[in-house]
Amino acid sequence: MKPLIRLFFRTVRLILTPFLLLGNRLTQPKGVERPVAEQAAVDARTRDLALYHFPTCPFCLKTRRTLRRLSLDVELRNAQHDDAHRAALIAGGGKPQVPCLRIAAADGETTWLYDSNAINAYLTREFGAA
């Protein structure tokens, strides 16, 4: 019974994936427009951020839309198809859950932030419009 349920959900995911990606592509938010100097400062602050994600995960799509809306240049690390990124996610964060934002502080401390709502709240608080 368990293999049948697994097959059912894989089939549903296979059918819905193109629609999810197309819908995301067609409805991408417009990014924030900042003065060049201010955008350069934001880019410098985002250099120490990395988002571990799966390309078709709805929660990851939600987080990537926030990155686009805020015009943030955060490194995207595909933890689904890249074994090195998946291993780094498990080693650093402790679990293979996505989305996960890796925040490397200037003092060398690394924070792993899980949950799309928490990540979006952090990004909006740190980089949102004043």
Protein backbone atom coordinates (compact mmCIF):
# COMPACT_ATOMS: atom_id res chain seq x y z
CA MET A 1 0.00 0.00 0.00
CA LYS A 2 2.83 2.39 0.87
CA PRO A 3 4.49 2.12 -2.60
CA LEU A 4 1.12 2.84 -4.22
CA ILE A 5 0.63 6.00 -2.15
CA ARG A 6 4.20 7.09 -2.93
CA LEU A 7 3.60 6.49 -6.65
CA PHE A 8 0.39 8.52 -6.50
CA PHE A 9 2.08 11.55 -4.95
CA ARG A 10 5.05 11.35 -7.31
CA THR A 11 2.63 11.33 -10.24
CA VAL A 12 0.72 14.32 -8.86
CA ARG A 13 3.99 16.19 -8.32
CA LEU A 14 5.14 15.31 -11.83
CA ILE A 15 1.91 16.69 -13.30
CA LEU A 16 1.80 19.86 -11.18
CA THR A 17 5.48 20.84 -11.45
CA PRO A 18 5.30 22.51 -14.89
CA PHE A 19 2.21 24.47 -13.85
CA LEU A 20 3.88 25.63 -10.63
CA LEU A 21 6.96 26.83 -12.49
CA LEU A 22 4.95 28.49 -15.26
CA GLY A 23 2.67 30.24 -12.76
CA ASN A 24 5.69 31.46 -10.83
CA ARG A 25 7.35 32.72 -14.02
CA LEU A 26 4.24 34.56 -15.21
CA THR A 27 3.52 36.24 -11.89
CA GLN A 28 7.00 37.23 -10.71
CA PRO A 29 6.94 40.36 -8.59
CA LYS A 30 8.79 43.46 -9.65
CA GLY A 31 11.92 44.18 -7.66
CA VAL A 32 12.52 47.21 -5.47
CA GLU A 33 14.40 49.94 -7.30
CA ARG A 34 17.14 51.46 -5.17
CA PRO A 35 19.79 54.05 -5.97
CA VAL A 36 22.99 52.41 -7.24
CA ALA A 37 24.99 53.09 -4.07
CA GLU A 38 22.22 51.76 -1.84
CA GLN A 39 21.82 48.62 -3.98
CA ALA A 40 25.58 48.05 -3.82
CA ALA A 41 25.41 48.25 -0.02
CA VAL A 42 22.52 45.75 0.03
CA ASP A 43 24.44 43.43 -2.32
CA ALA A 44 27.44 43.58 0.01
CA ARG A 45 25.24 42.60 2.98
CA THR A 46 23.70 39.68 1.06
CA ARG A 47 27.09 38.25 0.09
CA ASP A 48 27.08 36.18 3.29
CA LEU A 49 23.62 34.68 2.67
CA ALA A 50 22.80 31.42 0.88
CA LEU A 51 19.37 29.92 0.31
CA TYR A 52 19.16 26.12 0.16
CA HIS A 53 16.11 25.23 -1.90
CA PHE A 54 14.34 22.77 -4.18
CA PRO A 55 13.32 24.29 -7.55
CA THR A 56 9.66 23.22 -7.37
CA CYS A 57 8.98 23.36 -3.63
CA PRO A 58 6.06 25.79 -3.07
CA PHE A 59 7.64 27.16 0.12
CA CYS A 60 10.92 27.72 -1.71
CA LEU A 61 9.04 29.50 -4.51
CA LYS A 62 7.49 31.76 -1.89
CA THR A 63 10.93 32.59 -0.46
CA ARG A 64 12.49 33.16 -3.89
CA ARG A 65 9.61 35.54 -4.73
CA THR A 66 10.50 37.56 -1.62
CA LEU A 67 14.14 37.67 -2.75
CA ARG A 68 13.01 38.99 -6.13
CA ARG A 69 10.55 41.48 -4.62
CA LEU A 70 13.29 42.92 -2.40
CA SER A 71 15.91 42.81 -5.23
CA LEU A 72 18.30 40.69 -3.19
CA ASP A 73 21.30 38.95 -4.71
CA VAL A 74 21.39 35.83 -2.53
CA GLU A 75 23.23 32.71 -3.65
CA LEU A 76 20.76 29.91 -4.44
CA ARG A 77 21.95 26.41 -3.62
CA ASN A 78 19.91 23.57 -5.09
CA ALA A 79 19.79 20.92 -2.35
CA GLN A 80 17.66 18.59 -4.45
CA HIS A 81 20.01 17.94 -7.38
CA ASP A 82 23.40 18.82 -5.90
CA ASP A 83 24.70 16.29 -3.38
CA ALA A 84 27.38 18.66 -2.07
CA HIS A 85 24.81 21.33 -1.19
CA ARG A 86 22.51 18.73 0.38
CA ALA A 87 25.40 17.38 2.49
CA ALA A 88 26.35 20.92 3.56
CA LEU A 89 22.73 21.62 4.54
CA ILE A 90 22.54 18.49 6.67
CA ALA A 91 25.98 19.04 8.22
CA GLY A 92 25.39 22.71 9.03
CA GLY A 93 21.68 22.93 9.70
CA GLY A 94 21.13 19.43 10.99
CA LYS A 95 18.27 18.43 8.67
CA PRO A 96 17.53 18.33 4.93
CA GLN A 97 14.52 20.66 5.22
CA VAL A 98 14.13 23.45 2.66
CA PRO A 99 13.94 26.37 2.35
CA CYS A 100 16.84 27.12 4.64
CA LEU A 101 18.70 30.42 4.77
CA ARG A 102 22.35 30.22 5.81
CA ILE A 103 23.41 33.47 7.46
CA ALA A 104 27.16 33.85 7.98
CA ALA A 105 27.97 36.64 10.41
CA ALA A 106 31.12 38.75 10.27
CA ASP A 107 32.39 37.14 13.49
CA GLY A 108 32.33 33.69 11.84
CA GLU A 109 29.12 32.48 13.47
CA THR A 110 26.65 30.78 11.12
CA THR A 111 22.89 30.72 11.65
CA TRP A 112 20.59 28.33 9.79
CA LEU A 113 17.07 29.73 9.45
CA TYR A 114 14.34 27.29 8.45
CA ASP A 115 10.66 27.90 7.55
CA SER A 116 9.65 30.17 4.68
CA ASN A 117 7.67 32.54 6.91
CA ALA A 118 10.63 33.05 9.25
CA ILE A 119 13.01 33.55 6.30
CA ASN A 120 10.65 36.05 4.63
CA ALA A 121 10.20 37.94 7.90
CA TYR A 122 13.99 38.13 8.37
CA LEU A 123 14.58 39.33 4.80
CA THR A 124 11.82 41.93 5.02
CA ARG A 125 13.09 43.17 8.39
CA GLU A 126 16.71 43.40 7.25
CA PHE A 127 16.29 44.57 3.64
CA GLY A 128 12.71 45.84 3.28
CA ALA A 129 11.78 49.39 2.40
CA ALA A 130 12.08 51.79 5.31
